[in-house]
Amino acid sequence: MTRTIGVISGKGGVGKTTVVANLGAALAHRFKKDVTIVDCNLTASHLGLSLGMHYHPVTLNHVLRREKHIDESIYDHPSGMKIIPASLHLKDLIKTDISKLGHHLKKLKGKTEIIFLDSSPGLGKEAVATIKASEELIFVTRPDIMSVSDVIRGKEFVGKIKKEPIGIVLNMVTRGGHELTQKEVEIMTDLPVIAVVPHDKNVPKSLAKKIPVILHKPRTPASKELRKLAGFIIGEEELGFWDRIVRFLKT
């Protein structure tokens, strides 16, 4: 059975695309799952670019314009995940009907285990189409009052169309006194925080190299938390080195 999980945020700059890329890579590389990640942010398409995909002849835009079948827009990544990028060209926005996203994604049912949808921020038409095409939703936010207040508005909309939020990923956390705590965020939103990804200097370095941080620096704090989140999503525990040795010896 294929799960379709939308990864959404109330505002830009919270690291949503980075979370999607690393979840896809972690589940494919570490947990050996068949994962497809989709760039649904047509007006600011960064997912493919962040993974070093500067040229792709067939994109989601072509699919939404009914010029190509969605199978033709899928590309393989060295991590093992698959990617459906959006076009980087302004001309490819013409006659692109994002409202048909869900219709085309249904053609992937049974062909992949998990689909992650990288939404545009906010509640514009691209984000709304992504939310409607999703079965489950993950909010990504930074631990500040403005970002979290946007999650509250997003949750209200999600509730109106009867979609199921999995929870919140708190990203770029420094644990400074100016930040909201995990408990405060959970109380404000009435949603569980399912991951607390620390601010990590290796994340922008990995972005510069166009490599997911879980592959570029697998032992860094952000990588560990993102792998743990990937395990949580599929109900499998992410074990450390010594935990794996102990489990192996027991078996």
Protein backbone atom coordinates (compact mmCIF):
# COMPACT_ATOMS: atom_id res chain seq x y z
CA MET A 1 0.00 0.00 0.00
CA THR A 2 1.33 3.42 -0.98
CA ARG A 3 1.36 6.22 1.60
CA THR A 4 1.24 9.83 0.42
CA ILE A 5 2.69 12.24 2.97
CA GLY A 6 2.61 16.00 2.43
CA VAL A 7 5.36 18.00 4.12
CA ILE A 8 4.07 21.52 4.65
CA SER A 9 4.97 24.77 6.40
CA GLY A 10 3.35 28.07 7.15
CA LYS A 11 6.29 30.10 5.90
CA GLY A 12 9.42 29.68 3.82
CA GLY A 13 12.94 29.29 5.17
CA VAL A 14 12.11 26.68 7.81
CA GLY A 15 13.97 23.85 6.05
CA LYS A 16 11.00 21.92 4.67
CA THR A 17 12.72 20.91 1.42
CA THR A 18 15.82 19.78 3.33
CA VAL A 19 13.64 17.62 5.57
CA VAL A 20 11.94 16.02 2.54
CA ALA A 21 15.24 15.27 0.78
CA ASN A 22 16.76 13.72 3.90
CA LEU A 23 13.68 11.70 4.81
CA GLY A 24 13.61 10.27 1.31
CA ALA A 25 17.32 9.47 1.39
CA ALA A 26 17.15 7.97 4.89
CA LEU A 27 14.22 5.70 4.12
CA ALA A 28 15.73 4.53 0.83
CA HIS A 29 19.36 4.19 1.91
CA ARG A 30 19.04 3.19 5.56
CA PHE A 31 15.69 1.41 5.70
CA LYS A 32 15.64 0.08 2.10
CA LYS A 33 12.19 1.47 1.33
CA ASP A 34 10.90 2.38 -2.12
CA VAL A 35 10.45 6.15 -1.76
CA THR A 36 9.49 8.86 -4.24
CA ILE A 37 9.82 12.55 -3.39
CA VAL A 38 7.91 15.13 -5.43
CA ASP A 39 8.57 18.86 -5.82
CA CYS A 40 5.10 20.46 -5.62
CA ASN A 41 6.49 23.98 -5.17
CA LEU A 42 6.23 24.93 -8.84
CA THR A 43 6.95 28.65 -8.42
CA ALA A 44 10.10 28.06 -6.34
CA SER A 45 11.24 24.59 -7.34
CA HIS A 46 14.28 23.80 -5.20
CA LEU A 47 14.00 20.09 -4.42
CA GLY A 48 15.76 18.78 -7.51
CA LEU A 49 18.24 21.64 -7.43
CA SER A 50 19.18 20.86 -3.81
CA LEU A 51 20.08 17.33 -4.93
CA GLY A 52 22.23 18.40 -7.87
CA MET A 53 19.56 17.94 -10.55
CA HIS A 54 20.13 20.97 -12.78
CA TYR A 55 18.63 19.48 -15.93
CA HIS A 56 15.65 17.16 -16.29
CA PRO A 57 13.84 16.99 -19.63
CA VAL A 58 10.53 15.82 -18.13
CA THR A 59 9.17 17.44 -14.96
CA LEU A 60 6.00 17.55 -12.91
CA ASN A 61 5.03 20.58 -14.98
CA HIS A 62 4.87 18.47 -18.13
CA VAL A 63 2.72 15.93 -16.30
CA LEU A 64 0.30 18.57 -15.04
CA ARG A 65 -0.01 19.92 -18.58
CA ARG A 66 -0.86 16.37 -19.74
CA GLU A 67 2.14 16.30 -22.06
CA LYS A 68 3.82 13.37 -20.30
CA HIS A 69 2.83 10.44 -18.09
CA ILE A 70 3.99 10.75 -14.49
CA ASP A 71 6.18 7.65 -14.89
CA GLU A 72 8.30 9.59 -17.40
CA SER A 73 9.09 12.30 -14.83
CA ILE A 74 10.76 9.98 -12.29
CA TYR A 75 14.54 10.11 -11.79
CA ASP A 76 16.79 7.89 -9.67
CA HIS A 77 19.02 9.35 -6.95
CA PRO A 78 22.24 7.64 -5.78
CA SER A 79 20.68 7.17 -2.32
CA GLY A 80 18.09 4.83 -3.84
CA MET A 81 15.15 7.21 -3.64
CA LYS A 82 13.28 8.49 -6.70
CA ILE A 83 12.62 12.14 -7.49
CA ILE A 84 9.92 13.92 -9.49
CA PRO A 85 11.31 17.44 -9.94
CA ALA A 86 9.48 20.59 -10.97
CA SER A 87 10.76 22.74 -13.79
CA LEU A 88 13.23 25.55 -13.14
CA HIS A 89 11.94 27.53 -16.14
CA LEU A 90 9.35 30.28 -15.82
CA LYS A 91 7.77 29.37 -19.18
CA ASP A 92 6.83 25.94 -17.81
CA LEU A 93 4.36 27.53 -15.39
CA ILE A 94 2.06 28.41 -18.29
CA LYS A 95 -1.06 26.20 -18.43
CA THR A 96 0.21 24.08 -15.54
CA ASP A 97 -2.82 22.96 -13.53
CA ILE A 98 -1.62 22.15 -10.00
CA SER A 99 -5.19 21.30 -8.97
CA LYS A 100 -4.79 18.01 -10.91
CA LEU A 101 -1.86 16.92 -8.73
CA GLY A 102 -3.86 14.29 -6.84
CA HIS A 103 -5.22 12.81 -10.07
CA HIS A 104 -1.72 12.19 -11.43
CA LEU A 105 -0.28 10.93 -8.15
CA LYS A 106 -2.91 8.19 -8.05
CA LYS A 107 -1.06 6.61 -10.98
CA LEU A 108 1.86 5.89 -8.63
CA LYS A 109 -0.27 3.87 -6.21
CA GLY A 110 1.19 0.40 -5.82
CA LYS A 111 4.40 1.39 -7.64
CA THR A 112 6.18 2.89 -4.64
CA GLU A 113 5.84 2.50 -0.87
CA ILE A 114 5.97 6.12 0.26
CA ILE A 115 5.47 9.40 -1.61
CA PHE A 116 6.66 12.61 0.05
CA LEU A 117 5.21 15.84 -1.33
CA ASP A 118 7.36 18.94 -0.86
CA SER A 119 4.77 21.70 -0.66
CA SER A 120 5.10 25.42 -1.21
CA PRO A 121 4.86 27.39 2.07
CA GLY A 122 1.64 29.01 3.22
CA LEU A 123 -1.84 28.29 1.94
CA GLY A 124 -1.66 29.36 -1.68
CA LYS A 125 -3.01 27.21 -4.52
CA GLU A 126 0.12 25.03 -4.74
CA ALA A 127 0.06 24.31 -1.01
CA VAL A 128 -3.69 23.64 -1.02
CA ALA A 129 -3.34 21.23 -3.95
CA THR A 130 -0.53 19.43 -2.10
CA ILE A 131 -2.57 19.14 1.08
CA LYS A 132 -5.58 17.81 -0.83
CA ALA A 133 -3.40 15.24 -2.63
CA SER A 134 -1.94 13.98 0.67
CA GLU A 135 -3.29 11.31 2.99
CA GLU A 136 -1.04 12.31 5.91
CA LEU A 137 0.70 15.58 6.73
CA ILE A 138 3.83 16.70 8.53
CA PHE A 139 4.32 20.34 9.56
CA VAL A 140 7.86 21.74 9.54
CA THR A 141 8.54 24.85 11.58
CA ARG A 142 11.22 26.72 13.43
CA PRO A 143 10.65 27.18 17.18
CA ASP A 144 9.61 30.84 17.05
CA ILE A 145 6.22 32.36 17.67
CA MET A 146 5.58 33.54 14.10
CA SER A 147 6.43 30.20 12.48
CA VAL A 148 4.39 28.25 15.02
CA SER A 149 1.39 30.58 14.66
CA ASP A 150 1.41 29.73 10.94
CA VAL A 151 1.22 26.03 11.88
CA ILE A 152 -1.92 26.78 13.90
CA ARG A 153 -3.57 28.36 10.84
CA GLY A 154 -2.43 25.47 8.67
CA LYS A 155 -3.83 22.94 11.12
CA GLU A 156 -7.19 24.72 11.06
CA PHE A 157 -7.35 24.42 7.27
CA VAL A 158 -6.21 20.79 7.33
CA GLY A 159 -8.96 20.00 9.82
CA LYS A 160 -11.63 21.56 7.62
CA ILE A 161 -10.80 19.22 4.74
CA LYS A 162 -10.43 16.25 7.10
CA LYS A 163 -6.77 15.42 6.54
CA GLU A 164 -4.63 13.70 9.17
CA PRO A 165 -1.56 15.49 10.60
CA ILE A 166 1.17 13.15 11.85
CA GLY A 167 2.83 15.91 13.84
CA ILE A 168 5.41 18.68 13.84
CA VAL A 169 9.11 18.70 13.00
CA LEU A 170 10.87 21.44 14.96
CA ASN A 171 13.81 22.40 12.76
CA MET A 172 17.02 24.41 13.24
CA VAL A 173 16.67 24.29 17.02
CA THR A 174 19.43 26.05 18.99
CA ARG A 175 17.78 25.64 22.41
CA GLY A 176 18.36 29.32 23.07
CA GLY A 177 16.24 31.12 25.63
CA HIS A 178 14.42 33.04 22.88
CA GLU A 179 12.99 29.85 21.34
CA LEU A 180 9.76 28.09 22.17
CA THR A 181 10.23 24.76 23.89
CA GLN A 182 8.86 21.50 22.54
CA LYS A 183 6.22 21.46 25.26
CA GLU A 184 5.14 25.03 24.49
CA VAL A 185 4.78 24.19 20.78
CA GLU A 186 2.71 21.11 21.56
CA ILE A 187 0.42 23.08 23.86
CA MET A 188 -0.01 25.92 21.36
CA THR A 189 -0.77 23.66 18.38
CA ASP A 190 -2.33 20.64 20.08
CA LEU A 191 -0.09 18.48 17.90
CA PRO A 192 2.80 16.17 18.87
CA VAL A 193 6.36 17.20 18.07
CA ILE A 194 7.73 14.11 16.33
CA ALA A 195 11.30 15.36 15.82
CA VAL A 196 13.56 18.10 17.14
CA VAL A 197 16.27 18.69 14.54
CA PRO A 198 19.13 20.75 15.97
CA HIS A 199 20.77 23.66 14.19
CA ASP A 200 23.78 22.02 12.56
CA LYS A 201 26.51 23.72 10.53
CA ASN A 202 26.85 20.57 8.44
CA VAL A 203 23.38 21.04 6.91
CA PRO A 204 24.26 24.14 4.81
CA LYS A 205 27.58 22.48 3.92
CA SER A 206 25.72 19.43 2.62
CA LEU A 207 23.33 21.68 0.67
CA ALA A 208 26.31 23.34 -0.99
CA LYS A 209 27.57 19.91 -2.04
CA LYS A 210 24.05 18.86 -3.22
CA ILE A 211 24.15 15.81 -0.93
CA PRO A 212 21.59 15.03 1.83
CA VAL A 213 23.26 15.57 5.20
CA ILE A 214 22.35 12.05 6.33
CA LEU A 215 24.71 10.80 3.59
CA HIS A 216 27.30 13.58 3.68
CA LYS A 217 27.77 13.62 7.47
CA PRO A 218 25.83 10.63 8.86
CA ARG A 219 27.05 11.05 12.46
CA THR A 220 26.19 14.71 12.81
CA PRO A 221 23.34 15.65 15.23
CA ALA A 222 20.89 16.67 12.51
CA SER A 223 21.51 13.43 10.59
CA LYS A 224 20.82 11.30 13.65
CA GLU A 225 17.53 13.06 14.35
CA LEU A 226 16.41 12.89 10.72
CA ARG A 227 17.12 9.15 10.58
CA LYS A 228 15.23 8.73 13.83
CA LEU A 229 12.29 10.62 12.28
CA ALA A 230 12.41 8.39 9.20
CA GLY A 231 12.24 5.34 11.44
CA PHE A 232 9.33 6.81 13.37
CA ILE A 233 7.33 7.40 10.19
CA ILE A 234 7.54 3.73 9.20
CA GLY A 235 7.36 2.37 12.75
CA GLU A 236 10.96 1.14 12.83
CA GLU A 237 13.49 2.11 15.46
CA GLU A 238 16.70 3.84 14.40
CA LEU A 239 19.49 2.05 16.26
CA GLY A 240 22.97 3.31 17.02
CA PHE A 241 26.09 1.27 16.25
CA TRP A 242 26.34 -0.47 19.64
CA ASP A 243 22.58 -1.07 19.75
CA ARG A 244 22.86 -2.89 16.42
CA ILE A 245 25.78 -4.98 17.71
CA VAL A 246 23.84 -5.98 20.85
CA ARG A 247 20.75 -6.86 18.82
CA PHE A 248 22.88 -8.92 16.41
CA LEU A 249 24.49 -10.84 19.27
CA LYS A 250 21.09 -11.53 20.83
CA THR A 251 19.79 -12.99 17.60
